[in-house]
Amino acid sequence: MLKRANRLHLERDIARVRTKGSSRRGQLFNLRYLRVEEGQISRVAFVVSKKISKKAVERNKVARWSREVIQKLLPSFKVSVDLVLSAQQPFVKYSFLGCEQEIEKLFKDAGLIQNG
């Protein structure tokens, strides 16, 4: 489980990241991120709309997979950021490994973690 301190849950914080932040788009996810002051904790919000799936079970699975990957990658972040990770496609044909590779690639492209 993602620590409470690493959760971005206030609507105004999410809106700030969406308006002022940078973005990267992948096949499965849209990543929005905003660098925050050094020394602050990186925080993450997940958005999985009903456009992805009408079934809550499938939406929850996407969020769980994403949380697990983020939890593993958070210690390797080079900078402190607020992130909003939005699912863009149904995950029916994707595996956990595909989700993990996509998120890692987005973070590398954004310069949030080291390449390699």
PDB file of N, CA and C in Angstrom:
ATOM      1  N   MET A   1       0.833  -1.179   0.000  1.00  0.00           N
ATOM      2  CA  MET A   1       0.000   0.000   0.000  1.00  0.00           C
ATOM      3  C   MET A   1       0.882   1.248   0.000  1.00  0.00           C
ATOM      4  N   LEU A   2       0.453   2.216  -0.740  1.00  0.00           N
ATOM      5  CA  LEU A   2       1.160   3.492  -0.830  1.00  0.00           C
ATOM      6  C   LEU A   2       0.954   4.271   0.464  1.00  0.00           C
ATOM      7  N   LYS A   3       2.035   4.790   1.025  1.00  0.00           N
ATOM      8  CA  LYS A   3       1.943   5.529   2.281  1.00  0.00           C
ATOM      9  C   LYS A   3       1.032   6.743   2.122  1.00  0.00           C
ATOM     10  N   ARG A   4       0.373   7.105   3.189  1.00  0.00           N
ATOM     11  CA  ARG A   4      -0.554   8.235   3.170  1.00  0.00           C
ATOM     12  C   ARG A   4       0.150   9.531   2.757  1.00  0.00           C
ATOM     13  N   ALA A   5       1.398   9.684   3.181  1.00  0.00           N
ATOM     14  CA  ALA A   5       2.162  10.892   2.845  1.00  0.00           C
ATOM     15  C   ALA A   5       2.439  10.988   1.348  1.00  0.00           C
ATOM     16  N   ASN A   6       2.405   9.855   0.639  1.00  0.00           N
ATOM     17  CA  ASN A   6       2.685   9.837  -0.795  1.00  0.00           C
ATOM     18  C   ASN A   6       1.429   9.932  -1.648  1.00  0.00           C
ATOM     19  N   ARG A   7       0.289  10.170  -1.026  1.00  0.00           N
ATOM     20  CA  ARG A   7      -0.968  10.266  -1.777  1.00  0.00           C
ATOM     21  C   ARG A   7      -1.325  11.726  -2.012  1.00  0.00           C
ATOM     22  N   LEU A   8      -1.654  12.026  -3.235  1.00  0.00           N
ATOM     23  CA  LEU A   8      -2.119  13.357  -3.616  1.00  0.00           C
ATOM     24  C   LEU A   8      -3.637  13.251  -3.726  1.00  0.00           C
ATOM     25  N   HIS A   9      -4.358  13.789  -2.751  1.00  0.00           N
ATOM     26  CA  HIS A   9      -5.795  13.540  -2.748  1.00  0.00           C
ATOM     27  C   HIS A   9      -6.669  14.783  -2.742  1.00  0.00           C
ATOM     28  N   LEU A  10      -6.109  15.957  -2.510  1.00  0.00           N
ATOM     29  CA  LEU A  10      -6.928  17.162  -2.539  1.00  0.00           C
ATOM     30  C   LEU A  10      -7.177  17.593  -3.984  1.00  0.00           C
ATOM     31  N   GLU A  11      -8.419  17.920  -4.278  1.00  0.00           N
ATOM     32  CA  GLU A  11      -8.801  18.308  -5.637  1.00  0.00           C
ATOM     33  C   GLU A  11      -8.015  19.526  -6.112  1.00  0.00           C
ATOM     34  N   ARG A  12      -7.758  20.483  -5.235  1.00  0.00           N
ATOM     35  CA  ARG A  12      -7.002  21.675  -5.634  1.00  0.00           C
ATOM     36  C   ARG A  12      -5.557  21.332  -5.999  1.00  0.00           C
ATOM     37  N   ASP A  13      -4.962  20.344  -5.327  1.00  0.00           N
ATOM     38  CA  ASP A  13      -3.597  19.919  -5.660  1.00  0.00           C
ATOM     39  C   ASP A  13      -3.561  19.217  -7.017  1.00  0.00           C
ATOM     40  N   ILE A  14      -4.549  18.385  -7.263  1.00  0.00           N
ATOM     41  CA  ILE A  14      -4.640  17.680  -8.549  1.00  0.00           C
ATOM     42  C   ILE A  14      -4.861  18.697  -9.666  1.00  0.00           C
ATOM     43  N   ALA A  15      -5.727  19.675  -9.443  1.00  0.00           N
ATOM     44  CA  ALA A  15      -5.984  20.716 -10.451  1.00  0.00           C
ATOM     45  C   ALA A  15      -4.724  21.530 -10.722  1.00  0.00           C
ATOM     46  N   ARG A  16      -3.941  21.808  -9.682  1.00  0.00           N
ATOM     47  CA  ARG A  16      -2.693  22.566  -9.848  1.00  0.00           C
ATOM     48  C   ARG A  16      -1.705  21.788 -10.725  1.00  0.00           C
ATOM     49  N   VAL A  17      -1.604  20.485 -10.508  1.00  0.00           N
ATOM     50  CA  VAL A  17      -0.708  19.662 -11.322  1.00  0.00           C
ATOM     51  C   VAL A  17      -1.186  19.639 -12.768  1.00  0.00           C
ATOM     52  N   ARG A  18      -2.494  19.533 -12.962  1.00  0.00           N
ATOM     53  CA  ARG A  18      -3.038  19.481 -14.320  1.00  0.00           C
ATOM     54  C   ARG A  18      -2.848  20.793 -15.073  1.00  0.00           C
ATOM     55  N   THR A  19      -2.944  21.920 -14.377  1.00  0.00           N
ATOM     56  CA  THR A  19      -2.838  23.201 -15.076  1.00  0.00           C
ATOM     57  C   THR A  19      -1.399  23.678 -15.223  1.00  0.00           C
ATOM     58  N   LYS A  20      -0.590  23.528 -14.196  1.00  0.00           N
ATOM     59  CA  LYS A  20       0.770  24.068 -14.217  1.00  0.00           C
ATOM     60  C   LYS A  20       1.835  23.044 -14.559  1.00  0.00           C
ATOM     61  N   GLY A  21       1.499  21.773 -14.526  1.00  0.00           N
ATOM     62  CA  GLY A  21       2.487  20.720 -14.702  1.00  0.00           C
ATOM     63  C   GLY A  21       2.795  20.391 -16.146  1.00  0.00           C
ATOM     64  N   SER A  22       3.822  19.593 -16.321  1.00  0.00           N
ATOM     65  CA  SER A  22       4.206  19.073 -17.632  1.00  0.00           C
ATOM     66  C   SER A  22       3.523  17.725 -17.831  1.00  0.00           C
ATOM     67  N   SER A  23       3.535  17.245 -19.065  1.00  0.00           N
ATOM     68  CA  SER A  23       2.870  15.963 -19.297  1.00  0.00           C
ATOM     69  C   SER A  23       3.653  15.092 -20.265  1.00  0.00           C
ATOM     70  N   ARG A  24       3.428  13.822 -20.152  1.00  0.00           N
ATOM     71  CA  ARG A  24       3.945  12.806 -21.060  1.00  0.00           C
ATOM     72  C   ARG A  24       2.791  11.852 -21.328  1.00  0.00           C
ATOM     73  N   ARG A  25       2.695  11.404 -22.554  1.00  0.00           N
ATOM     74  CA  ARG A  25       1.607  10.503 -22.914  1.00  0.00           C
ATOM     75  C   ARG A  25       2.190   9.198 -23.431  1.00  0.00           C
ATOM     76  N   GLY A  26       1.670   8.099 -22.913  1.00  0.00           N
ATOM     77  CA  GLY A  26       2.056   6.776 -23.362  1.00  0.00           C
ATOM     78  C   GLY A  26       0.856   6.066 -23.947  1.00  0.00           C
ATOM     79  N   GLN A  27       1.021   4.781 -24.224  1.00  0.00           N
ATOM     80  CA  GLN A  27      -0.086   4.013 -24.775  1.00  0.00           C
ATOM     81  C   GLN A  27      -1.184   3.774 -23.742  1.00  0.00           C
ATOM     82  N   LEU A  28      -0.779   3.531 -22.505  1.00  0.00           N
ATOM     83  CA  LEU A  28      -1.742   3.191 -21.467  1.00  0.00           C
ATOM     84  C   LEU A  28      -2.068   4.331 -20.517  1.00  0.00           C
ATOM     85  N   PHE A  29      -1.118   5.252 -20.348  1.00  0.00           N
ATOM     86  CA  PHE A  29      -1.277   6.289 -19.339  1.00  0.00           C
ATOM     87  C   PHE A  29      -0.944   7.668 -19.874  1.00  0.00           C
ATOM     88  N   ASN A  30      -1.540   8.661 -19.238  1.00  0.00           N
ATOM     89  CA  ASN A  30      -1.166  10.053 -19.420  1.00  0.00           C
ATOM     90  C   ASN A  30      -0.574  10.489 -18.080  1.00  0.00           C
ATOM     91  N   LEU A  31       0.672  10.946 -18.093  1.00  0.00           N
ATOM     92  CA  LEU A  31       1.358  11.356 -16.880  1.00  0.00           C
ATOM     93  C   LEU A  31       1.442  12.870 -16.834  1.00  0.00           C
ATOM     94  N   ARG A  32       0.964  13.454 -15.763  1.00  0.00           N
ATOM     95  CA  ARG A  32       1.132  14.883 -15.504  1.00  0.00           C
ATOM     96  C   ARG A  32       1.973  14.993 -14.254  1.00  0.00           C
ATOM     97  N   TYR A  33       2.962  15.880 -14.270  1.00  0.00           N
ATOM     98  CA  TYR A  33       3.836  16.015 -13.112  1.00  0.00           C
ATOM     99  C   TYR A  33       4.246  17.465 -12.935  1.00  0.00           C
ATOM    100  N   LEU A  34       4.455  17.824 -11.684  1.00  0.00           N
ATOM    101  CA  LEU A  34       4.853  19.169 -11.320  1.00  0.00           C
ATOM    102  C   LEU A  34       5.932  19.043 -10.247  1.00  0.00           C
ATOM    103  N   ARG A  35       7.091  19.596 -10.542  1.00  0.00           N
ATOM    104  CA  ARG A  35       8.187  19.540  -9.559  1.00  0.00           C
ATOM    105  C   ARG A  35       7.836  20.442  -8.381  1.00  0.00           C
ATOM    106  N   VAL A  36       8.131  19.962  -7.189  1.00  0.00           N
ATOM    107  CA  VAL A  36       7.879  20.720  -5.966  1.00  0.00           C
ATOM    108  C   VAL A  36       9.209  21.009  -5.291  1.00  0.00           C
ATOM    109  N   GLU A  37       9.166  21.777  -4.222  1.00  0.00           N
ATOM    110  CA  GLU A  37      10.391  22.158  -3.532  1.00  0.00           C
ATOM    111  C   GLU A  37      11.175  20.930  -3.090  1.00  0.00           C
ATOM    112  N   GLU A  38      12.493  21.038  -3.175  1.00  0.00           N
ATOM    113  CA  GLU A  38      13.376  19.956  -2.751  1.00  0.00           C
ATOM    114  C   GLU A  38      13.139  19.691  -1.272  1.00  0.00           C
ATOM    115  N   GLY A  39      13.133  18.450  -0.910  1.00  0.00           N
ATOM    116  CA  GLY A  39      12.911  18.083   0.480  1.00  0.00           C
ATOM    117  C   GLY A  39      11.476  17.677   0.769  1.00  0.00           C
ATOM    118  N   GLN A  40      10.547  18.055  -0.113  1.00  0.00           N
ATOM    119  CA  GLN A  40       9.166  17.618   0.070  1.00  0.00           C
ATOM    120  C   GLN A  40       9.025  16.184  -0.435  1.00  0.00           C
ATOM    121  N   ILE A  41       8.001  15.531   0.011  1.00  0.00           N
ATOM    122  CA  ILE A  41       7.753  14.144  -0.378  1.00  0.00           C
ATOM    123  C   ILE A  41       6.995  14.130  -1.703  1.00  0.00           C
ATOM    124  N   SER A  42       7.371  13.214  -2.592  1.00  0.00           N
ATOM    125  CA  SER A  42       6.643  13.042  -3.847  1.00  0.00           C
ATOM    126  C   SER A  42       5.269  12.448  -3.546  1.00  0.00           C
ATOM    127  N   ARG A  43       4.253  12.979  -4.248  1.00  0.00           N
ATOM    128  CA  ARG A  43       2.889  12.509  -4.037  1.00  0.00           C
ATOM    129  C   ARG A  43       2.272  12.105  -5.369  1.00  0.00           C
ATOM    130  N   VAL A  44       1.346  11.142  -5.318  1.00  0.00           N
ATOM    131  CA  VAL A  44       0.762  10.564  -6.529  1.00  0.00           C
ATOM    132  C   VAL A  44      -0.757  10.478  -6.402  1.00  0.00           C
ATOM    133  N   ALA A  45      -1.449  10.766  -7.513  1.00  0.00           N
ATOM    134  CA  ALA A  45      -2.896  10.545  -7.619  1.00  0.00           C
ATOM    135  C   ALA A  45      -3.144   9.685  -8.852  1.00  0.00           C
ATOM    136  N   PHE A  46      -4.120   8.812  -8.770  1.00  0.00           N
ATOM    137  CA  PHE A  46      -4.481   7.939  -9.883  1.00  0.00           C
ATOM    138  C   PHE A  46      -5.885   8.273 -10.344  1.00  0.00           C
ATOM    139  N   VAL A  47      -6.074   8.348 -11.658  1.00  0.00           N
ATOM    140  CA  VAL A  47      -7.382   8.625 -12.222  1.00  0.00           C
ATOM    141  C   VAL A  47      -7.714   7.502 -13.199  1.00  0.00           C
ATOM    142  N   VAL A  48      -8.784   6.784 -12.902  1.00  0.00           N
ATOM    143  CA  VAL A  48      -9.250   5.715 -13.780  1.00  0.00           C
ATOM    144  C   VAL A  48     -10.739   5.938 -13.968  1.00  0.00           C
ATOM    145  N   SER A  49     -11.108   6.500 -15.106  1.00  0.00           N
ATOM    146  CA  SER A  49     -12.509   6.869 -15.326  1.00  0.00           C
ATOM    147  C   SER A  49     -13.334   5.687 -15.817  1.00  0.00           C
ATOM    148  N   LYS A  50     -14.625   5.904 -15.891  1.00  0.00           N
ATOM    149  CA  LYS A  50     -15.522   4.864 -16.393  1.00  0.00           C
ATOM    150  C   LYS A  50     -15.377   4.646 -17.892  1.00  0.00           C
ATOM    151  N   LYS A  51     -14.656   5.549 -18.558  1.00  0.00           N
ATOM    152  CA  LYS A  51     -14.377   5.336 -19.980  1.00  0.00           C
ATOM    153  C   LYS A  51     -13.460   4.130 -20.155  1.00  0.00           C
ATOM    154  N   ILE A  52     -12.646   3.858 -19.152  1.00  0.00           N
ATOM    155  CA  ILE A  52     -11.725   2.722 -19.197  1.00  0.00           C
ATOM    156  C   ILE A  52     -12.510   1.430 -19.085  1.00  0.00           C
ATOM    157  N   SER A  53     -13.427   1.367 -18.135  1.00  0.00           N
ATOM    158  CA  SER A  53     -14.279   0.197 -17.966  1.00  0.00           C
ATOM    159  C   SER A  53     -15.477   0.587 -17.113  1.00  0.00           C
ATOM    160  N   LYS A  54     -16.598   0.043 -17.426  1.00  0.00           N
ATOM    161  CA  LYS A  54     -17.786   0.288 -16.617  1.00  0.00           C
ATOM    162  C   LYS A  54     -17.731  -0.529 -15.326  1.00  0.00           C
ATOM    163  N   LYS A  55     -16.871  -1.546 -15.305  1.00  0.00           N
ATOM    164  CA  LYS A  55     -16.778  -2.440 -14.150  1.00  0.00           C
ATOM    165  C   LYS A  55     -15.775  -1.905 -13.139  1.00  0.00           C
ATOM    166  N   ALA A  56     -16.230  -1.722 -11.912  1.00  0.00           N
ATOM    167  CA  ALA A  56     -15.362  -1.216 -10.846  1.00  0.00           C
ATOM    168  C   ALA A  56     -14.194  -2.170 -10.585  1.00  0.00           C
ATOM    169  N   VAL A  57     -14.416  -3.449 -10.747  1.00  0.00           N
ATOM    170  CA  VAL A  57     -13.355  -4.441 -10.517  1.00  0.00           C
ATOM    171  C   VAL A  57     -12.172  -4.172 -11.446  1.00  0.00           C
ATOM    172  N   GLU A  58     -12.456  -3.896 -12.706  1.00  0.00           N
ATOM    173  CA  GLU A  58     -11.385  -3.635 -13.669  1.00  0.00           C
ATOM    174  C   GLU A  58     -10.706  -2.296 -13.404  1.00  0.00           C
ATOM    175  N   ARG A  59     -11.478  -1.274 -13.044  1.00  0.00           N
ATOM    176  CA  ARG A  59     -10.879   0.028 -12.727  1.00  0.00           C
ATOM    177  C   ARG A  59      -9.983  -0.079 -11.494  1.00  0.00           C
ATOM    178  N   ASN A  60     -10.438  -0.815 -10.502  1.00  0.00           N
ATOM    179  CA  ASN A  60      -9.643  -1.002  -9.290  1.00  0.00           C
ATOM    180  C   ASN A  60      -8.355  -1.769  -9.576  1.00  0.00           C
ATOM    181  N   LYS A  61      -8.427  -2.722 -10.496  1.00  0.00           N
ATOM    182  CA  LYS A  61      -7.231  -3.488 -10.852  1.00  0.00           C
ATOM    183  C   LYS A  61      -6.180  -2.570 -11.471  1.00  0.00           C
ATOM    184  N   VAL A  62      -6.596  -1.683 -12.338  1.00  0.00           N
ATOM    185  CA  VAL A  62      -5.676  -0.719 -12.956  1.00  0.00           C
ATOM    186  C   VAL A  62      -5.031   0.144 -11.875  1.00  0.00           C
ATOM    187  N   ALA A  63      -5.812   0.639 -10.944  1.00  0.00           N
ATOM    188  CA  ALA A  63      -5.282   1.480  -9.864  1.00  0.00           C
ATOM    189  C   ALA A  63      -4.335   0.687  -8.967  1.00  0.00           C
ATOM    190  N   ARG A  64      -4.677  -0.553  -8.650  1.00  0.00           N
ATOM    191  CA  ARG A  64      -3.799  -1.388  -7.817  1.00  0.00           C
ATOM    192  C   ARG A  64      -2.464  -1.649  -8.489  1.00  0.00           C
ATOM    193  N   TRP A  65      -2.508  -2.003  -9.767  1.00  0.00           N
ATOM    194  CA  TRP A  65      -1.269  -2.257 -10.520  1.00  0.00           C
ATOM    195  C   TRP A  65      -0.406  -0.995 -10.529  1.00  0.00           C
ATOM    196  N   SER A  66      -1.031   0.131 -10.799  1.00  0.00           N
ATOM    197  CA  SER A  66      -0.303   1.404 -10.862  1.00  0.00           C
ATOM    198  C   SER A  66       0.320   1.745  -9.514  1.00  0.00           C
ATOM    199  N   ARG A  67      -0.442   1.579  -8.448  1.00  0.00           N
ATOM    200  CA  ARG A  67       0.079   1.854  -7.106  1.00  0.00           C
ATOM    201  C   ARG A  67       1.288   0.979  -6.782  1.00  0.00           C
ATOM    202  N   GLU A  68       1.205  -0.282  -7.151  1.00  0.00           N
ATOM    203  CA  GLU A  68       2.307  -1.205  -6.871  1.00  0.00           C
ATOM    204  C   GLU A  68       3.576  -0.784  -7.610  1.00  0.00           C
ATOM    205  N   VAL A  69       3.446  -0.405  -8.856  1.00  0.00           N
ATOM    206  CA  VAL A  69       4.607   0.037  -9.644  1.00  0.00           C
ATOM    207  C   VAL A  69       5.180   1.330  -9.064  1.00  0.00           C
ATOM    208  N   ILE A  70       4.318   2.283  -8.745  1.00  0.00           N
ATOM    209  CA  ILE A  70       4.768   3.561  -8.196  1.00  0.00           C
ATOM    210  C   ILE A  70       5.491   3.349  -6.874  1.00  0.00           C
ATOM    211  N   GLN A  71       4.942   2.501  -6.035  1.00  0.00           N
ATOM    212  CA  GLN A  71       5.550   2.233  -4.733  1.00  0.00           C
ATOM    213  C   GLN A  71       6.972   1.695  -4.906  1.00  0.00           C
ATOM    214  N   LYS A  72       7.174   0.878  -5.910  1.00  0.00           N
ATOM    215  CA  LYS A  72       8.499   0.318  -6.172  1.00  0.00           C
ATOM    216  C   LYS A  72       9.459   1.380  -6.719  1.00  0.00           C
ATOM    217  N   LEU A  73       8.942   2.319  -7.528  1.00  0.00           N
ATOM    218  CA  LEU A  73       9.795   3.312  -8.187  1.00  0.00           C
ATOM    219  C   LEU A  73      10.036   4.578  -7.361  1.00  0.00           C
ATOM    220  N   LEU A  74       9.200   4.877  -6.383  1.00  0.00           N
ATOM    221  CA  LEU A  74       9.334   6.118  -5.610  1.00  0.00           C
ATOM    222  C   LEU A  74      10.732   6.338  -5.018  1.00  0.00           C
ATOM    223  N   PRO A  75      11.382   5.330  -4.449  1.00  0.00           N
ATOM    224  CA  PRO A  75      12.715   5.573  -3.883  1.00  0.00           C
ATOM    225  C   PRO A  75      13.765   5.984  -4.924  1.00  0.00           C
ATOM    226  N   SER A  76      13.532   5.689  -6.194  1.00  0.00           N
ATOM    227  CA  SER A  76      14.524   6.016  -7.227  1.00  0.00           C
ATOM    228  C   SER A  76      14.278   7.381  -7.881  1.00  0.00           C
ATOM    229  N   PHE A  77      13.294   8.140  -7.408  1.00  0.00           N
ATOM    230  CA  PHE A  77      13.033   9.465  -7.979  1.00  0.00           C
ATOM    231  C   PHE A  77      14.197  10.402  -7.708  1.00  0.00           C
ATOM    232  N   LYS A  78      14.590  11.160  -8.725  1.00  0.00           N
ATOM    233  CA  LYS A  78      15.686  12.118  -8.603  1.00  0.00           C
ATOM    234  C   LYS A  78      15.216  13.439  -8.006  1.00  0.00           C
ATOM    235  N   VAL A  79      13.958  13.777  -8.205  1.00  0.00           N
ATOM    236  CA  VAL A  79      13.407  15.049  -7.746  1.00  0.00           C
ATOM    237  C   VAL A  79      12.079  14.809  -7.023  1.00  0.00           C
ATOM    238  N   SER A  80      11.642  15.789  -6.269  1.00  0.00           N
ATOM    239  CA  SER A  80      10.338  15.710  -5.612  1.00  0.00           C
ATOM    240  C   SER A  80       9.277  16.239  -6.575  1.00  0.00           C
ATOM    241  N   VAL A  81       8.223  15.464  -6.768  1.00  0.00           N
ATOM    242  CA  VAL A  81       7.177  15.842  -7.716  1.00  0.00           C
ATOM    243  C   VAL A  81       5.804  15.469  -7.180  1.00  0.00           C
ATOM    244  N   ASP A  82       4.799  16.141  -7.720  1.00  0.00           N
ATOM    245  CA  ASP A  82       3.412  15.725  -7.561  1.00  0.00           C
ATOM    246  C   ASP A  82       3.013  15.131  -8.906  1.00  0.00           C
ATOM    247  N   LEU A  83       2.432  13.940  -8.882  1.00  0.00           N
ATOM    248  CA  LEU A  83       2.077  13.215 -10.111  1.00  0.00           C
ATOM    249  C   LEU A  83       0.582  12.953 -10.176  1.00  0.00           C
ATOM    250  N   VAL A  84       0.045  13.020 -11.392  1.00  0.00           N
ATOM    251  CA  VAL A  84      -1.312  12.551 -11.653  1.00  0.00           C
ATOM    252  C   VAL A  84      -1.189  11.579 -12.815  1.00  0.00           C
ATOM    253  N   LEU A  85      -1.513  10.325 -12.543  1.00  0.00           N
ATOM    254  CA  LEU A  85      -1.408   9.271 -13.549  1.00  0.00           C
ATOM    255  C   LEU A  85      -2.815   8.867 -13.962  1.00  0.00           C
ATOM    256  N   SER A  86      -3.157   9.136 -15.221  1.00  0.00           N
ATOM    257  CA  SER A  86      -4.502   8.849 -15.729  1.00  0.00           C
ATOM    258  C   SER A  86      -4.449   7.694 -16.718  1.00  0.00           C
ATOM    259  N   ALA A  87      -5.275   6.702 -16.503  1.00  0.00           N
ATOM    260  CA  ALA A  87      -5.360   5.580 -17.437  1.00  0.00           C
ATOM    261  C   ALA A  87      -6.039   6.059 -18.714  1.00  0.00           C
ATOM    262  N   GLN A  88      -5.543   5.600 -19.880  1.00  0.00           N
ATOM    263  CA  GLN A  88      -6.041   6.075 -21.161  1.00  0.00           C
ATOM    264  C   GLN A  88      -6.757   5.013 -21.991  1.00  0.00           C
ATOM    265  N   GLN A  89      -6.511   3.741 -21.679  1.00  0.00           N
ATOM    266  CA  GLN A  89      -7.076   2.664 -22.493  1.00  0.00           C
ATOM    267  C   GLN A  89      -7.532   1.524 -21.601  1.00  0.00           C
ATOM    268  N   PRO A  90      -8.497   0.761 -22.084  1.00  0.00           N
ATOM    269  CA  PRO A  90      -8.856  -0.454 -21.342  1.00  0.00           C
ATOM    270  C   PRO A  90      -7.650  -1.396 -21.250  1.00  0.00           C
ATOM    271  N   PHE A  91      -7.514  -2.053 -20.127  1.00  0.00           N
ATOM    272  CA  PHE A  91      -6.358  -2.900 -19.870  1.00  0.00           C
ATOM    273  C   PHE A  91      -6.625  -4.363 -20.166  1.00  0.00           C
ATOM    274  N   VAL A  92      -7.682  -4.668 -20.871  1.00  0.00           N
ATOM    275  CA  VAL A  92      -8.076  -6.053 -21.090  1.00  0.00           C
ATOM    276  C   VAL A  92      -6.945  -6.870 -21.678  1.00  0.00           C
ATOM    277  N   LYS A  93      -6.217  -6.325 -22.636  1.00  0.00           N
ATOM    278  CA  LYS A  93      -5.187  -7.102 -23.329  1.00  0.00           C
ATOM    279  C   LYS A  93      -3.787  -6.891 -22.743  1.00  0.00           C
ATOM    280  N   TYR A  94      -3.665  -6.161 -21.632  1.00  0.00           N
ATOM    281  CA  TYR A  94      -2.357  -5.881 -21.051  1.00  0.00           C
ATOM    282  C   TYR A  94      -2.146  -6.650 -19.762  1.00  0.00           C
ATOM    283  N   SER A  95      -0.889  -6.905 -19.466  1.00  0.00           N
ATOM    284  CA  SER A  95      -0.530  -7.600 -18.237  1.00  0.00           C
ATOM    285  C   SER A  95       0.073  -6.599 -17.253  1.00  0.00           C
ATOM    286  N   PHE A  96       0.349  -7.078 -16.056  1.00  0.00           N
ATOM    287  CA  PHE A  96       1.002  -6.239 -15.057  1.00  0.00           C
ATOM    288  C   PHE A  96       2.372  -5.797 -15.557  1.00  0.00           C
ATOM    289  N   LEU A  97       3.086  -6.685 -16.210  1.00  0.00           N
ATOM    290  CA  LEU A  97       4.416  -6.358 -16.726  1.00  0.00           C
ATOM    291  C   LEU A  97       4.347  -5.226 -17.748  1.00  0.00           C
ATOM    292  N   GLY A  98       3.343  -5.251 -18.623  1.00  0.00           N
ATOM    293  CA  GLY A  98       3.166  -4.182 -19.611  1.00  0.00           C
ATOM    294  C   GLY A  98       2.879  -2.853 -18.938  1.00  0.00           C
ATOM    295  N   CYS A  99       2.070  -2.889 -17.894  1.00  0.00           N
ATOM    296  CA  CYS A  99       1.752  -1.681 -17.121  1.00  0.00           C
ATOM    297  C   CYS A  99       3.025  -1.142 -16.468  1.00  0.00           C
ATOM    298  N   GLU A 100       3.813  -2.023 -15.884  1.00  0.00           N
ATOM    299  CA  GLU A 100       5.045  -1.626 -15.212  1.00  0.00           C
ATOM    300  C   GLU A 100       6.032  -0.989 -16.190  1.00  0.00           C
ATOM    301  N   GLN A 101       6.196  -1.596 -17.350  1.00  0.00           N
ATOM    302  CA  GLN A 101       7.126  -1.075 -18.355  1.00  0.00           C
ATOM    303  C   GLN A 101       6.674   0.300 -18.859  1.00  0.00           C
ATOM    304  N   GLU A 102       5.386   0.470 -19.050  1.00  0.00           N
ATOM    305  CA  GLU A 102       4.848   1.739 -19.534  1.00  0.00           C
ATOM    306  C   GLU A 102       5.093   2.872 -18.532  1.00  0.00           C
ATOM    307  N   ILE A 103       4.807   2.621 -17.271  1.00  0.00           N
ATOM    308  CA  ILE A 103       5.002   3.652 -16.246  1.00  0.00           C
ATOM    309  C   ILE A 103       6.478   3.989 -16.113  1.00  0.00           C
ATOM    310  N   GLU A 104       7.318   2.980 -16.101  1.00  0.00           N
ATOM    311  CA  GLU A 104       8.761   3.213 -15.985  1.00  0.00           C
ATOM    312  C   GLU A 104       9.281   4.027 -17.170  1.00  0.00           C
ATOM    313  N   LYS A 105       8.795   3.726 -18.369  1.00  0.00           N
ATOM    314  CA  LYS A 105       9.211   4.470 -19.561  1.00  0.00           C
ATOM    315  C   LYS A 105       8.767   5.933 -19.470  1.00  0.00           C
ATOM    316  N   LEU A 106       7.544   6.175 -19.025  1.00  0.00           N
ATOM    317  CA  LEU A 106       7.053   7.545 -18.868  1.00  0.00           C
ATOM    318  C   LEU A 106       7.918   8.321 -17.878  1.00  0.00           C
ATOM    319  N   PHE A 107       8.273   7.696 -16.766  1.00  0.00           N
ATOM    320  CA  PHE A 107       9.098   8.364 -15.760  1.00  0.00           C
ATOM    321  C   PHE A 107      10.496   8.662 -16.292  1.00  0.00           C
ATOM    322  N   LYS A 108      11.059   7.740 -17.056  1.00  0.00           N
ATOM    323  CA  LYS A 108      12.393   7.973 -17.638  1.00  0.00           C
ATOM    324  C   LYS A 108      12.332   9.106 -18.655  1.00  0.00           C
ATOM    325  N   ASP A 109      11.301   9.108 -19.494  1.00  0.00           N
ATOM    326  CA  ASP A 109      11.148  10.168 -20.497  1.00  0.00           C
ATOM    327  C   ASP A 109      10.976  11.543 -19.844  1.00  0.00           C
ATOM    328  N   ALA A 110      10.328  11.562 -18.697  1.00  0.00           N
ATOM    329  CA  ALA A 110      10.097  12.824 -17.988  1.00  0.00           C
ATOM    330  C   ALA A 110      11.321  13.242 -17.183  1.00  0.00           C
ATOM    331  N   GLY A 111      12.315  12.370 -17.062  1.00  0.00           N
ATOM    332  CA  GLY A 111      13.523  12.694 -16.305  1.00  0.00           C
ATOM    333  C   GLY A 111      13.329  12.587 -14.804  1.00  0.00           C
ATOM    334  N   LEU A 112      12.364  11.795 -14.385  1.00  0.00           N
ATOM    335  CA  LEU A 112      12.104  11.649 -12.963  1.00  0.00           C
ATOM    336  C   LEU A 112      12.952  10.558 -12.320  1.00  0.00           C
ATOM    337  N   ILE A 113      13.309   9.532 -13.119  1.00  0.00           N
ATOM    338  CA  ILE A 113      14.193   8.476 -12.623  1.00  0.00           C
ATOM    339  C   ILE A 113      15.344   8.283 -13.611  1.00  0.00           C
ATOM    340  N   GLN A 114      16.387   7.624 -13.163  1.00  0.00           N
ATOM    341  CA  GLN A 114      17.564   7.387 -13.999  1.00  0.00           C
ATOM    342  C   GLN A 114      17.260   6.413 -15.127  1.00  0.00           C
ATOM    343  N   ASN A 115      17.840   6.651 -16.292  1.00  0.00           N
ATOM    344  CA  ASN A 115      17.776   5.678 -17.371  1.00  0.00           C
ATOM    345  C   ASN A 115      18.735   4.549 -17.050  1.00  0.00           C
ATOM    346  N   GLY A 116      18.247   3.328 -17.263  1.00  0.00           N
ATOM    347  CA  GLY A 116      19.117   2.174 -17.039  1.00  0.00           C
ATOM    348  C   GLY A 116      18.978   1.512 -15.782  1.00  0.00           C
TER     349      GLY A 116
END
